[in-house]
Amino acid sequence: MKVSILIPIKADNKNLRECIENCLLLDYPDFEIIILPDEPVELPYRNKVRVVPTGKVGPAQKRDLAVKGLESDILAFLDDDAFPRRDWLRNAVVYFKDPDVAVVCGPAVTPEDDGLRRKASGFVYSSFLVSGPHMRRYIPKFRCDLDDYPSCNFLIRRDVFEKIGGFDTAFWPGEDTVLCLKITKELKMKIEYDPHVLVYHHRRPLFIPHLKQIRNYALHRGYFAKRFPSTSLKISYFIPSFFILGLIAGGIIAIFDPFVRDFYLFTIALYVFLSLLYSFKQAGRLRLKFIVFAGIILTHLAYGVYFIKGLSSRRLKEEDDEGTDDMGGKK
């Protein structure tokens, strides 16, 4: 099976070079790398690497444009700030022998040599306190079938991608959720997760860049909980918002009720203890431990607030800009 690795970018950057160089080391015989920048770029690679300028459009639209005219069997979506392990394609492609499998995906692990604040962001994401059942996105977990997965490490049959019209959506982030919904609900096909289909993914550093990303994730997931409930109306996505509402309501009631006050203070103390326990157990240097601790708390607060905002939104900005149909596709 021939694989086309599609990497959308705005412009050339240091992470892109790392990504390409690791892709060129893959132990799989038949693949190509297609770079999708806004404008033409000159890259010092010839073998297996093509540059296809797309104009100033989002990652989903770039991938939709790139697929036109391709003859590969499998499309492999990779972000420019990620890079694959050498056996990435070899471990993934075997699953496509099953005709019911449309997508294969795997974890996006924080590189060991990332800087302090990027590594702290990785620890926050991989914490059960933050990601719960979605920890498999950030650290290797057991093999399973899924109904939703991010597109930073995502391989799909080209004919399936074309059959459902590609991403064909104005949402970003969240374009991958819409795509997975079409695959699992419309086509009734499988999304297979394997911990050995592994890439490394540089995180956005704590605090501001990390929290901006959390804000965007939460806003879209909150909106998707009512727009696409079959895959996004899950209790795990609501927990940070419940936590915030509990802090506010519990704090008010605790002023007047001693029993509630004791329970309220105990709950907060337990939360702080568990956050500290994870931070000190997982992280290395003392400074890193406290950054992770603060990151967990701020991540919960940011996600909880913006999930509520998304849930209460009538429409998101990208829908107003382009208009979308009931499945998130552009009209």
C-alpha atoms as a PDB file:
ATOM      1  CA  MET A   1       0.000   0.000   0.000  1.00  0.00           C
ATOM      2  CA  LYS A   2       1.321   3.414  -0.953  1.00  0.00           C
ATOM      3  CA  VAL A   3       1.086   6.118   1.728  1.00  0.00           C
ATOM      4  CA  SER A   4       0.962   9.883   1.260  1.00  0.00           C
ATOM      5  CA  ILE A   5       2.047  11.796   4.379  1.00  0.00           C
ATOM      6  CA  LEU A   6       0.291  15.186   4.375  1.00  0.00           C
ATOM      7  CA  ILE A   7       1.829  17.969   6.490  1.00  0.00           C
ATOM      8  CA  PRO A   8       0.016  21.342   6.473  1.00  0.00           C
ATOM      9  CA  ILE A   9       2.076  24.412   7.413  1.00  0.00           C
ATOM     10  CA  LYS A  10       1.865  28.184   7.150  1.00  0.00           C
ATOM     11  CA  ALA A  11       5.563  28.560   6.282  1.00  0.00           C
ATOM     12  CA  ASP A  12       8.886  26.774   6.640  1.00  0.00           C
ATOM     13  CA  ASN A  13      10.034  26.261  10.237  1.00  0.00           C
ATOM     14  CA  LYS A  14      12.496  24.340  12.388  1.00  0.00           C
ATOM     15  CA  ASN A  15       9.960  21.741  13.520  1.00  0.00           C
ATOM     16  CA  LEU A  16       9.071  20.980   9.901  1.00  0.00           C
ATOM     17  CA  ARG A  17      12.687  20.052   9.124  1.00  0.00           C
ATOM     18  CA  GLU A  18      12.742  17.682  12.095  1.00  0.00           C
ATOM     19  CA  CYS A  19       9.447  16.151  10.960  1.00  0.00           C
ATOM     20  CA  ILE A  20      10.618  15.593   7.367  1.00  0.00           C
ATOM     21  CA  GLU A  21      13.989  14.158   8.390  1.00  0.00           C
ATOM     22  CA  ASN A  22      12.338  11.618  10.669  1.00  0.00           C
ATOM     23  CA  CYS A  23       9.782  10.717   8.013  1.00  0.00           C
ATOM     24  CA  LEU A  24      12.633  10.002   5.594  1.00  0.00           C
ATOM     25  CA  LEU A  25      13.958   7.424   8.096  1.00  0.00           C
ATOM     26  CA  LEU A  26      10.706   5.424   8.144  1.00  0.00           C
ATOM     27  CA  ASP A  27      11.211   1.687   7.602  1.00  0.00           C
ATOM     28  CA  TYR A  28       8.416   1.463   5.051  1.00  0.00           C
ATOM     29  CA  PRO A  29       9.138   1.123   1.331  1.00  0.00           C
ATOM     30  CA  ASP A  30       6.359   3.009  -0.427  1.00  0.00           C
ATOM     31  CA  PHE A  31       5.524   6.505   0.788  1.00  0.00           C
ATOM     32  CA  GLU A  32       5.724  10.159  -0.197  1.00  0.00           C
ATOM     33  CA  ILE A  33       5.778  13.343   1.876  1.00  0.00           C
ATOM     34  CA  ILE A  34       3.619  16.250   0.741  1.00  0.00           C
ATOM     35  CA  ILE A  35       4.220  19.633   2.378  1.00  0.00           C
ATOM     36  CA  LEU A  36       1.267  22.041   2.208  1.00  0.00           C
ATOM     37  CA  PRO A  37       2.407  25.657   2.825  1.00  0.00           C
ATOM     38  CA  ASP A  38       0.499  28.880   2.244  1.00  0.00           C
ATOM     39  CA  GLU A  39       3.101  30.036  -0.288  1.00  0.00           C
ATOM     40  CA  PRO A  40       5.899  28.202  -2.189  1.00  0.00           C
ATOM     41  CA  VAL A  41       8.913  27.271  -0.040  1.00  0.00           C
ATOM     42  CA  GLU A  42      12.344  25.911  -0.945  1.00  0.00           C
ATOM     43  CA  LEU A  43      13.295  22.788   0.987  1.00  0.00           C
ATOM     44  CA  PRO A  44      16.659  20.947   0.835  1.00  0.00           C
ATOM     45  CA  TYR A  45      14.970  17.616   0.118  1.00  0.00           C
ATOM     46  CA  ARG A  46      14.271  15.933  -3.171  1.00  0.00           C
ATOM     47  CA  ASN A  47      13.663  12.239  -2.613  1.00  0.00           C
ATOM     48  CA  LYS A  48      10.037  11.486  -1.613  1.00  0.00           C
ATOM     49  CA  VAL A  49       9.271  15.147  -0.723  1.00  0.00           C
ATOM     50  CA  ARG A  50       6.892  17.402  -2.685  1.00  0.00           C
ATOM     51  CA  VAL A  51       5.742  20.936  -1.908  1.00  0.00           C
ATOM     52  CA  VAL A  52       2.153  21.839  -2.872  1.00  0.00           C
ATOM     53  CA  PRO A  53       1.258  25.481  -2.029  1.00  0.00           C
ATOM     54  CA  THR A  54      -2.406  25.869  -1.078  1.00  0.00           C
ATOM     55  CA  GLY A  55      -2.907  29.540  -0.278  1.00  0.00           C
ATOM     56  CA  LYS A  56      -3.915  30.868   3.125  1.00  0.00           C
ATOM     57  CA  VAL A  57      -6.418  28.239   4.247  1.00  0.00           C
ATOM     58  CA  GLY A  58      -6.714  26.094   7.368  1.00  0.00           C
ATOM     59  CA  PRO A  59      -5.164  22.638   7.905  1.00  0.00           C
ATOM     60  CA  ALA A  60      -8.364  20.779   6.991  1.00  0.00           C
ATOM     61  CA  GLN A  61      -8.775  22.687   3.737  1.00  0.00           C
ATOM     62  CA  LYS A  62      -5.099  22.123   2.902  1.00  0.00           C
ATOM     63  CA  ARG A  63      -5.534  18.372   3.237  1.00  0.00           C
ATOM     64  CA  ASP A  64      -8.737  18.422   1.199  1.00  0.00           C
ATOM     65  CA  LEU A  65      -6.924  20.264  -1.613  1.00  0.00           C
ATOM     66  CA  ALA A  66      -3.888  17.969  -1.518  1.00  0.00           C
ATOM     67  CA  VAL A  67      -5.871  14.756  -1.961  1.00  0.00           C
ATOM     68  CA  LYS A  68      -7.153  15.749  -5.397  1.00  0.00           C
ATOM     69  CA  GLY A  69      -5.175  13.761  -7.962  1.00  0.00           C
ATOM     70  CA  LEU A  70      -3.404  11.485  -5.487  1.00  0.00           C
ATOM     71  CA  GLU A  71      -3.246   7.762  -6.279  1.00  0.00           C
ATOM     72  CA  SER A  72      -1.993   6.552  -2.891  1.00  0.00           C
ATOM     73  CA  ASP A  73      -3.957   3.985  -0.891  1.00  0.00           C
ATOM     74  CA  ILE A  74      -3.510   5.605   2.531  1.00  0.00           C
ATOM     75  CA  LEU A  75      -3.413   9.229   3.668  1.00  0.00           C
ATOM     76  CA  ALA A  76      -1.301   9.855   6.778  1.00  0.00           C
ATOM     77  CA  PHE A  77      -2.019  13.139   8.556  1.00  0.00           C
ATOM     78  CA  LEU A  78       0.854  14.566  10.567  1.00  0.00           C
ATOM     79  CA  ASP A  79       1.352  18.009  12.119  1.00  0.00           C
ATOM     80  CA  ASP A  80       4.576  19.889  11.421  1.00  0.00           C
ATOM     81  CA  ASP A  81       5.417  19.987  15.149  1.00  0.00           C
ATOM     82  CA  ALA A  82       5.228  16.184  15.337  1.00  0.00           C
ATOM     83  CA  PHE A  83       7.558  13.490  14.008  1.00  0.00           C
ATOM     84  CA  PRO A  84       7.102   9.715  13.710  1.00  0.00           C
ATOM     85  CA  ARG A  85       8.912   6.818  15.249  1.00  0.00           C
ATOM     86  CA  ARG A  86      10.741   4.749  12.633  1.00  0.00           C
ATOM     87  CA  ASP A  87       8.150   1.940  12.619  1.00  0.00           C
ATOM     88  CA  TRP A  88       5.119   4.259  12.455  1.00  0.00           C
ATOM     89  CA  LEU A  89       3.857   3.337   8.996  1.00  0.00           C
ATOM     90  CA  ARG A  90       4.808  -0.329   9.217  1.00  0.00           C
ATOM     91  CA  ASN A  91       2.793  -0.743  12.426  1.00  0.00           C
ATOM     92  CA  ALA A  92      -0.207   1.165  11.055  1.00  0.00           C
ATOM     93  CA  VAL A  93      -0.609  -0.240   7.561  1.00  0.00           C
ATOM     94  CA  VAL A  94      -1.184  -3.844   8.703  1.00  0.00           C
ATOM     95  CA  TYR A  95      -4.591  -2.822  10.101  1.00  0.00           C
ATOM     96  CA  PHE A  96      -5.847  -1.857   6.657  1.00  0.00           C
ATOM     97  CA  LYS A  97      -5.918  -5.522   5.690  1.00  0.00           C
ATOM     98  CA  ASP A  98      -9.268  -5.494   7.499  1.00  0.00           C
ATOM     99  CA  PRO A  99     -11.761  -3.890   5.067  1.00  0.00           C
ATOM    100  CA  ASP A 100     -13.844  -2.579   7.981  1.00  0.00           C
ATOM    101  CA  VAL A 101     -10.995  -0.398   9.263  1.00  0.00           C
ATOM    102  CA  ALA A 102     -11.140   3.130   7.858  1.00  0.00           C
ATOM    103  CA  VAL A 103      -8.677   4.850  10.203  1.00  0.00           C
ATOM    104  CA  VAL A 104      -5.630   3.904  12.248  1.00  0.00           C
ATOM    105  CA  CYS A 105      -4.269   6.214  14.932  1.00  0.00           C
ATOM    106  CA  GLY A 106      -1.901   6.215  17.885  1.00  0.00           C
ATOM    107  CA  PRO A 107      -0.421   8.308  20.703  1.00  0.00           C
ATOM    108  CA  ALA A 108       1.380  11.630  20.254  1.00  0.00           C
ATOM    109  CA  VAL A 109       4.036  11.526  22.971  1.00  0.00           C
ATOM    110  CA  THR A 110       5.978  14.520  24.312  1.00  0.00           C
ATOM    111  CA  PRO A 111       9.659  14.270  23.235  1.00  0.00           C
ATOM    112  CA  GLU A 112      12.132  13.661  26.042  1.00  0.00           C
ATOM    113  CA  ASP A 113      14.337  16.568  24.949  1.00  0.00           C
ATOM    114  CA  ASP A 114      11.565  19.181  24.975  1.00  0.00           C
ATOM    115  CA  GLY A 115      12.135  22.281  27.086  1.00  0.00           C
ATOM    116  CA  LEU A 116      10.896  22.645  30.641  1.00  0.00           C
ATOM    117  CA  ARG A 117       7.563  24.374  29.944  1.00  0.00           C
ATOM    118  CA  ARG A 118       6.761  22.224  26.917  1.00  0.00           C
ATOM    119  CA  LYS A 119       7.493  19.103  28.917  1.00  0.00           C
ATOM    120  CA  ALA A 120       5.274  20.447  31.711  1.00  0.00           C
ATOM    121  CA  SER A 121       2.435  20.853  29.197  1.00  0.00           C
ATOM    122  CA  GLY A 122       2.957  17.232  28.165  1.00  0.00           C
ATOM    123  CA  PHE A 123       2.723  16.066  31.766  1.00  0.00           C
ATOM    124  CA  VAL A 124      -0.497  18.030  32.208  1.00  0.00           C
ATOM    125  CA  TYR A 125      -2.094  16.516  29.097  1.00  0.00           C
ATOM    126  CA  SER A 126      -1.033  12.975  30.004  1.00  0.00           C
ATOM    127  CA  SER A 127      -2.430  13.244  33.547  1.00  0.00           C
ATOM    128  CA  PHE A 128      -5.561  11.243  34.334  1.00  0.00           C
ATOM    129  CA  LEU A 129      -6.722  14.301  36.296  1.00  0.00           C
ATOM    130  CA  VAL A 130      -6.825  16.290  33.045  1.00  0.00           C
ATOM    131  CA  SER A 131      -7.410  13.801  30.238  1.00  0.00           C
ATOM    132  CA  GLY A 132      -9.196  10.971  32.030  1.00  0.00           C
ATOM    133  CA  PRO A 133     -10.129   8.246  29.504  1.00  0.00           C
ATOM    134  CA  HIS A 134      -8.451  10.265  26.714  1.00  0.00           C
ATOM    135  CA  MET A 135      -4.924   9.786  28.131  1.00  0.00           C
ATOM    136  CA  ARG A 136      -4.223   7.432  25.218  1.00  0.00           C
ATOM    137  CA  ARG A 137      -3.861  10.482  23.014  1.00  0.00           C
ATOM    138  CA  TYR A 138      -0.690  11.481  24.882  1.00  0.00           C
ATOM    139  CA  ILE A 139       0.812   8.238  26.198  1.00  0.00           C
ATOM    140  CA  PRO A 140       0.623   4.668  24.849  1.00  0.00           C
ATOM    141  CA  LYS A 141      -2.366   2.703  26.133  1.00  0.00           C
ATOM    142  CA  PHE A 142      -4.028  -0.573  25.178  1.00  0.00           C
ATOM    143  CA  ARG A 143      -5.291  -1.221  21.661  1.00  0.00           C
ATOM    144  CA  CYS A 144      -8.976  -0.356  21.120  1.00  0.00           C
ATOM    145  CA  ASP A 145     -11.640   0.972  18.746  1.00  0.00           C
ATOM    146  CA  LEU A 146     -12.587   4.657  19.037  1.00  0.00           C
ATOM    147  CA  ASP A 147     -15.193   7.058  17.715  1.00  0.00           C
ATOM    148  CA  ASP A 148     -13.125  10.279  17.839  1.00  0.00           C
ATOM    149  CA  TYR A 149      -9.420  11.101  17.529  1.00  0.00           C
ATOM    150  CA  PRO A 150      -7.238  14.148  16.716  1.00  0.00           C
ATOM    151  CA  SER A 151      -5.623  14.370  13.299  1.00  0.00           C
ATOM    152  CA  CYS A 152      -2.017  14.952  14.422  1.00  0.00           C
ATOM    153  CA  ASN A 153      -1.452  11.165  14.126  1.00  0.00           C
ATOM    154  CA  PHE A 154      -4.170   9.844  11.859  1.00  0.00           C
ATOM    155  CA  LEU A 155      -4.082   7.471   8.876  1.00  0.00           C
ATOM    156  CA  ILE A 156      -7.147   6.994   6.658  1.00  0.00           C
ATOM    157  CA  ARG A 157      -7.984   5.119   3.477  1.00  0.00           C
ATOM    158  CA  ARG A 158      -7.935   7.553   0.572  1.00  0.00           C
ATOM    159  CA  ASP A 159     -11.110   6.125  -0.967  1.00  0.00           C
ATOM    160  CA  VAL A 160     -12.943   6.531   2.357  1.00  0.00           C
ATOM    161  CA  PHE A 161     -11.705  10.120   2.693  1.00  0.00           C
ATOM    162  CA  GLU A 162     -12.942  10.918  -0.798  1.00  0.00           C
ATOM    163  CA  LYS A 163     -16.237   9.085  -0.279  1.00  0.00           C
ATOM    164  CA  ILE A 164     -17.184  11.277   2.682  1.00  0.00           C
ATOM    165  CA  GLY A 165     -16.010  14.437   0.911  1.00  0.00           C
ATOM    166  CA  GLY A 166     -12.861  14.944   2.972  1.00  0.00           C
ATOM    167  CA  PHE A 167     -12.973  17.188   5.991  1.00  0.00           C
ATOM    168  CA  ASP A 168     -15.232  19.653   4.159  1.00  0.00           C
ATOM    169  CA  THR A 169     -15.764  21.713   7.278  1.00  0.00           C
ATOM    170  CA  ALA A 170     -15.179  25.234   8.544  1.00  0.00           C
ATOM    171  CA  PHE A 171     -14.409  24.022  12.090  1.00  0.00           C
ATOM    172  CA  TRP A 172     -10.890  24.364  13.464  1.00  0.00           C
ATOM    173  CA  PRO A 173     -10.078  22.835  15.837  1.00  0.00           C
ATOM    174  CA  GLY A 174     -12.699  20.101  15.775  1.00  0.00           C
ATOM    175  CA  GLU A 175     -12.447  19.252  12.081  1.00  0.00           C
ATOM    176  CA  ASP A 176     -11.210  15.798  13.069  1.00  0.00           C
ATOM    177  CA  THR A 177     -14.278  15.206  15.260  1.00  0.00           C
ATOM    178  CA  VAL A 178     -16.561  15.938  12.303  1.00  0.00           C
ATOM    179  CA  LEU A 179     -14.516  13.596  10.084  1.00  0.00           C
ATOM    180  CA  CYS A 180     -14.642  10.774  12.644  1.00  0.00           C
ATOM    181  CA  LEU A 181     -18.368  11.253  13.030  1.00  0.00           C
ATOM    182  CA  LYS A 182     -18.877  10.693   9.303  1.00  0.00           C
ATOM    183  CA  ILE A 183     -16.703   7.571   9.374  1.00  0.00           C
ATOM    184  CA  THR A 184     -18.292   5.882  12.380  1.00  0.00           C
ATOM    185  CA  LYS A 185     -21.908   7.015  12.058  1.00  0.00           C
ATOM    186  CA  GLU A 186     -22.446   7.325   8.309  1.00  0.00           C
ATOM    187  CA  LEU A 187     -20.139   4.595   6.971  1.00  0.00           C
ATOM    188  CA  LYS A 188     -20.232   2.375  10.079  1.00  0.00           C
ATOM    189  CA  MET A 189     -16.482   1.764   9.750  1.00  0.00           C
ATOM    190  CA  LYS A 190     -13.834   1.405  12.470  1.00  0.00           C
ATOM    191  CA  ILE A 191     -11.194   3.724  13.900  1.00  0.00           C
ATOM    192  CA  GLU A 192      -8.412   1.539  15.311  1.00  0.00           C
ATOM    193  CA  TYR A 193      -6.000   2.765  17.993  1.00  0.00           C
ATOM    194  CA  ASP A 194      -2.636   1.056  18.488  1.00  0.00           C
ATOM    195  CA  PRO A 195      -0.020   2.280  20.997  1.00  0.00           C
ATOM    196  CA  HIS A 196       2.757   1.272  18.586  1.00  0.00           C
ATOM    197  CA  VAL A 197       1.536   3.683  15.894  1.00  0.00           C
ATOM    198  CA  LEU A 198       3.486   6.355  17.705  1.00  0.00           C
ATOM    199  CA  VAL A 199       4.613   9.879  16.924  1.00  0.00           C
ATOM    200  CA  TYR A 200       6.327  12.488  19.080  1.00  0.00           C
ATOM    201  CA  HIS A 201       4.551  15.833  19.421  1.00  0.00           C
ATOM    202  CA  HIS A 202       6.056  19.080  20.718  1.00  0.00           C
ATOM    203  CA  ARG A 203       3.659  20.734  23.161  1.00  0.00           C
ATOM    204  CA  ARG A 204       2.822  24.380  23.480  1.00  0.00           C
ATOM    205  CA  PRO A 205       4.635  25.730  26.535  1.00  0.00           C
ATOM    206  CA  LEU A 206       2.903  26.492  29.786  1.00  0.00           C
ATOM    207  CA  PHE A 207       1.349  28.845  30.516  1.00  0.00           C
ATOM    208  CA  ILE A 208      -0.150  31.217  27.906  1.00  0.00           C
ATOM    209  CA  PRO A 209       0.266  29.177  24.669  1.00  0.00           C
ATOM    210  CA  HIS A 210      -0.924  26.001  26.424  1.00  0.00           C
ATOM    211  CA  LEU A 211      -3.967  27.718  27.902  1.00  0.00           C
ATOM    212  CA  LYS A 212      -4.902  29.317  24.572  1.00  0.00           C
ATOM    213  CA  GLN A 213      -4.938  25.837  23.043  1.00  0.00           C
ATOM    214  CA  ILE A 214      -7.049  24.528  25.936  1.00  0.00           C
ATOM    215  CA  ARG A 215      -9.461  27.429  25.430  1.00  0.00           C
ATOM    216  CA  ASN A 216      -9.947  26.528  21.764  1.00  0.00           C
ATOM    217  CA  TYR A 217     -10.385  22.814  22.509  1.00  0.00           C
ATOM    218  CA  ALA A 218     -12.927  23.519  25.249  1.00  0.00           C
ATOM    219  CA  LEU A 219     -14.915  26.055  23.253  1.00  0.00           C
ATOM    220  CA  HIS A 220     -15.394  23.632  20.367  1.00  0.00           C
ATOM    221  CA  ARG A 221     -16.020  20.583  22.537  1.00  0.00           C
ATOM    222  CA  GLY A 222     -18.663  22.453  24.514  1.00  0.00           C
ATOM    223  CA  TYR A 223     -20.381  23.477  21.292  1.00  0.00           C
ATOM    224  CA  PHE A 224     -20.024  19.976  19.840  1.00  0.00           C
ATOM    225  CA  ALA A 225     -21.663  18.477  22.944  1.00  0.00           C
ATOM    226  CA  LYS A 226     -24.977  19.829  21.637  1.00  0.00           C
ATOM    227  CA  ARG A 227     -24.157  19.934  17.914  1.00  0.00           C
ATOM    228  CA  PHE A 228     -22.697  16.407  17.648  1.00  0.00           C
ATOM    229  CA  PRO A 229     -23.889  14.650  20.825  1.00  0.00           C
ATOM    230  CA  SER A 230     -23.270  11.104  19.581  1.00  0.00           C
ATOM    231  CA  THR A 231     -19.517  11.540  20.075  1.00  0.00           C
ATOM    232  CA  SER A 232     -19.140  14.701  22.193  1.00  0.00           C
ATOM    233  CA  LEU A 233     -21.928  14.428  24.788  1.00  0.00           C
ATOM    234  CA  LYS A 234     -19.766  12.550  27.292  1.00  0.00           C
ATOM    235  CA  ILE A 235     -19.549  13.082  31.028  1.00  0.00           C
ATOM    236  CA  SER A 236     -15.729  13.295  30.926  1.00  0.00           C
ATOM    237  CA  TYR A 237     -15.912  16.522  28.906  1.00  0.00           C
ATOM    238  CA  PHE A 238     -18.264  18.137  31.446  1.00  0.00           C
ATOM    239  CA  ILE A 239     -16.250  17.435  34.620  1.00  0.00           C
ATOM    240  CA  PRO A 240     -14.098  20.641  34.613  1.00  0.00           C
ATOM    241  CA  SER A 241     -17.254  22.738  34.219  1.00  0.00           C
ATOM    242  CA  PHE A 242     -18.964  20.848  37.043  1.00  0.00           C
ATOM    243  CA  PHE A 243     -15.857  21.540  39.125  1.00  0.00           C
ATOM    244  CA  ILE A 244     -16.065  25.286  38.514  1.00  0.00           C
ATOM    245  CA  LEU A 245     -19.799  25.425  39.177  1.00  0.00           C
ATOM    246  CA  GLY A 246     -19.220  23.415  42.353  1.00  0.00           C
ATOM    247  CA  LEU A 247     -16.527  25.839  43.490  1.00  0.00           C
ATOM    248  CA  ILE A 248     -18.847  28.786  43.027  1.00  0.00           C
ATOM    249  CA  ALA A 249     -22.063  27.268  44.390  1.00  0.00           C
ATOM    250  CA  GLY A 250     -20.326  25.380  47.181  1.00  0.00           C
ATOM    251  CA  GLY A 251     -18.441  28.481  48.283  1.00  0.00           C
ATOM    252  CA  ILE A 252     -21.657  30.475  48.555  1.00  0.00           C
ATOM    253  CA  ILE A 253     -23.555  27.761  50.440  1.00  0.00           C
ATOM    254  CA  ALA A 254     -20.556  27.116  52.723  1.00  0.00           C
ATOM    255  CA  ILE A 255     -20.847  30.637  54.099  1.00  0.00           C
ATOM    256  CA  PHE A 256     -24.187  29.741  55.684  1.00  0.00           C
ATOM    257  CA  ASP A 257     -23.909  25.980  56.354  1.00  0.00           C
ATOM    258  CA  PRO A 258     -21.079  24.598  58.553  1.00  0.00           C
ATOM    259  CA  PHE A 259     -21.553  21.024  57.293  1.00  0.00           C
ATOM    260  CA  VAL A 260     -21.293  22.118  53.664  1.00  0.00           C
ATOM    261  CA  ARG A 261     -18.290  24.270  54.584  1.00  0.00           C
ATOM    262  CA  ASP A 262     -16.444  21.275  56.038  1.00  0.00           C
ATOM    263  CA  PHE A 263     -17.240  19.110  53.015  1.00  0.00           C
ATOM    264  CA  TYR A 264     -16.305  21.963  50.661  1.00  0.00           C
ATOM    265  CA  LEU A 265     -12.915  22.490  52.304  1.00  0.00           C
ATOM    266  CA  PHE A 266     -12.264  18.742  52.401  1.00  0.00           C
ATOM    267  CA  THR A 267     -13.039  18.436  48.679  1.00  0.00           C
ATOM    268  CA  ILE A 268     -10.705  21.302  47.783  1.00  0.00           C
ATOM    269  CA  ALA A 269      -7.957  19.854  49.988  1.00  0.00           C
ATOM    270  CA  LEU A 270      -8.372  16.450  48.325  1.00  0.00           C
ATOM    271  CA  TYR A 271      -8.197  18.024  44.868  1.00  0.00           C
ATOM    272  CA  VAL A 272      -5.027  19.935  45.740  1.00  0.00           C
ATOM    273  CA  PHE A 273      -3.490  16.797  47.280  1.00  0.00           C
ATOM    274  CA  LEU A 274      -4.199  14.656  44.194  1.00  0.00           C
ATOM    275  CA  SER A 275      -2.830  17.351  41.878  1.00  0.00           C
ATOM    276  CA  LEU A 276       0.317  17.669  43.967  1.00  0.00           C
ATOM    277  CA  LEU A 277       0.678  13.886  44.184  1.00  0.00           C
ATOM    278  CA  TYR A 278       0.566  13.490  40.404  1.00  0.00           C
ATOM    279  CA  SER A 279       2.891  16.453  39.832  1.00  0.00           C
ATOM    280  CA  PHE A 280       5.531  15.212  42.254  1.00  0.00           C
ATOM    281  CA  LYS A 281       5.245  11.601  41.105  1.00  0.00           C
ATOM    282  CA  GLN A 282       5.540  12.226  37.356  1.00  0.00           C
ATOM    283  CA  ALA A 283       7.716  15.298  36.906  1.00  0.00           C
ATOM    284  CA  GLY A 284      11.465  15.579  37.481  1.00  0.00           C
ATOM    285  CA  ARG A 285      13.015  18.816  38.717  1.00  0.00           C
ATOM    286  CA  LEU A 286      11.326  20.645  41.612  1.00  0.00           C
ATOM    287  CA  ARG A 287      10.553  23.652  39.417  1.00  0.00           C
ATOM    288  CA  LEU A 288       8.918  21.377  36.848  1.00  0.00           C
ATOM    289  CA  LYS A 289       6.776  19.780  39.545  1.00  0.00           C
ATOM    290  CA  PHE A 290       5.280  23.116  40.596  1.00  0.00           C
ATOM    291  CA  ILE A 291       4.722  24.205  36.988  1.00  0.00           C
ATOM    292  CA  VAL A 292       2.829  20.963  36.339  1.00  0.00           C
ATOM    293  CA  PHE A 293       0.797  21.448  39.528  1.00  0.00           C
ATOM    294  CA  ALA A 294      -0.198  24.983  38.538  1.00  0.00           C
ATOM    295  CA  GLY A 295      -0.797  23.802  34.970  1.00  0.00           C
ATOM    296  CA  ILE A 296      -3.296  21.154  36.047  1.00  0.00           C
ATOM    297  CA  ILE A 297      -5.351  23.643  38.039  1.00  0.00           C
ATOM    298  CA  LEU A 298      -5.266  26.356  35.355  1.00  0.00           C
ATOM    299  CA  THR A 299      -6.115  23.818  32.652  1.00  0.00           C
ATOM    300  CA  HIS A 300      -9.204  22.712  34.585  1.00  0.00           C
ATOM    301  CA  LEU A 301     -10.306  26.314  35.096  1.00  0.00           C
ATOM    302  CA  ALA A 302      -9.738  27.372  31.486  1.00  0.00           C
ATOM    303  CA  TYR A 303     -11.373  24.269  30.039  1.00  0.00           C
ATOM    304  CA  GLY A 304     -14.342  24.485  32.394  1.00  0.00           C
ATOM    305  CA  VAL A 305     -15.071  28.144  31.605  1.00  0.00           C
ATOM    306  CA  TYR A 306     -14.733  27.840  27.822  1.00  0.00           C
ATOM    307  CA  PHE A 307     -16.633  24.553  27.646  1.00  0.00           C
ATOM    308  CA  ILE A 308     -19.592  26.376  29.213  1.00  0.00           C
ATOM    309  CA  LYS A 309     -19.113  29.213  26.741  1.00  0.00           C
ATOM    310  CA  GLY A 310     -19.137  26.760  23.831  1.00  0.00           C
ATOM    311  CA  LEU A 311     -22.139  24.924  25.215  1.00  0.00           C
ATOM    312  CA  SER A 312     -24.090  28.170  25.474  1.00  0.00           C
ATOM    313  CA  SER A 313     -23.032  29.490  22.039  1.00  0.00           C
ATOM    314  CA  ARG A 314     -25.646  29.625  19.316  1.00  0.00           C
ATOM    315  CA  ARG A 315     -23.003  29.353  16.578  1.00  0.00           C
ATOM    316  CA  LEU A 316     -19.228  29.513  16.387  1.00  0.00           C
ATOM    317  CA  LYS A 317     -17.354  32.144  14.417  1.00  0.00           C
ATOM    318  CA  GLU A 318     -16.215  29.840  11.612  1.00  0.00           C
ATOM    319  CA  GLU A 319     -19.830  28.843  10.947  1.00  0.00           C
ATOM    320  CA  ASP A 320     -20.835  32.477  10.632  1.00  0.00           C
ATOM    321  CA  ASP A 321     -17.896  33.087   8.273  1.00  0.00           C
ATOM    322  CA  GLU A 322     -18.655  30.217   5.872  1.00  0.00           C
ATOM    323  CA  GLY A 323     -21.865  28.520   6.958  1.00  0.00           C
ATOM    324  CA  THR A 324     -22.108  24.786   7.648  1.00  0.00           C
ATOM    325  CA  ASP A 325     -24.665  22.065   7.246  1.00  0.00           C
ATOM    326  CA  ASP A 326     -25.936  19.652   9.896  1.00  0.00           C
ATOM    327  CA  MET A 327     -22.779  17.504   9.740  1.00  0.00           C
ATOM    328  CA  GLY A 328     -20.409  20.467   9.956  1.00  0.00           C
ATOM    329  CA  GLY A 329     -19.698  20.559   6.223  1.00  0.00           C
ATOM    330  CA  LYS A 330     -19.484  23.820   4.324  1.00  0.00           C
ATOM    331  CA  LYS A 331     -22.617  24.853   2.467  1.00  0.00           C
END
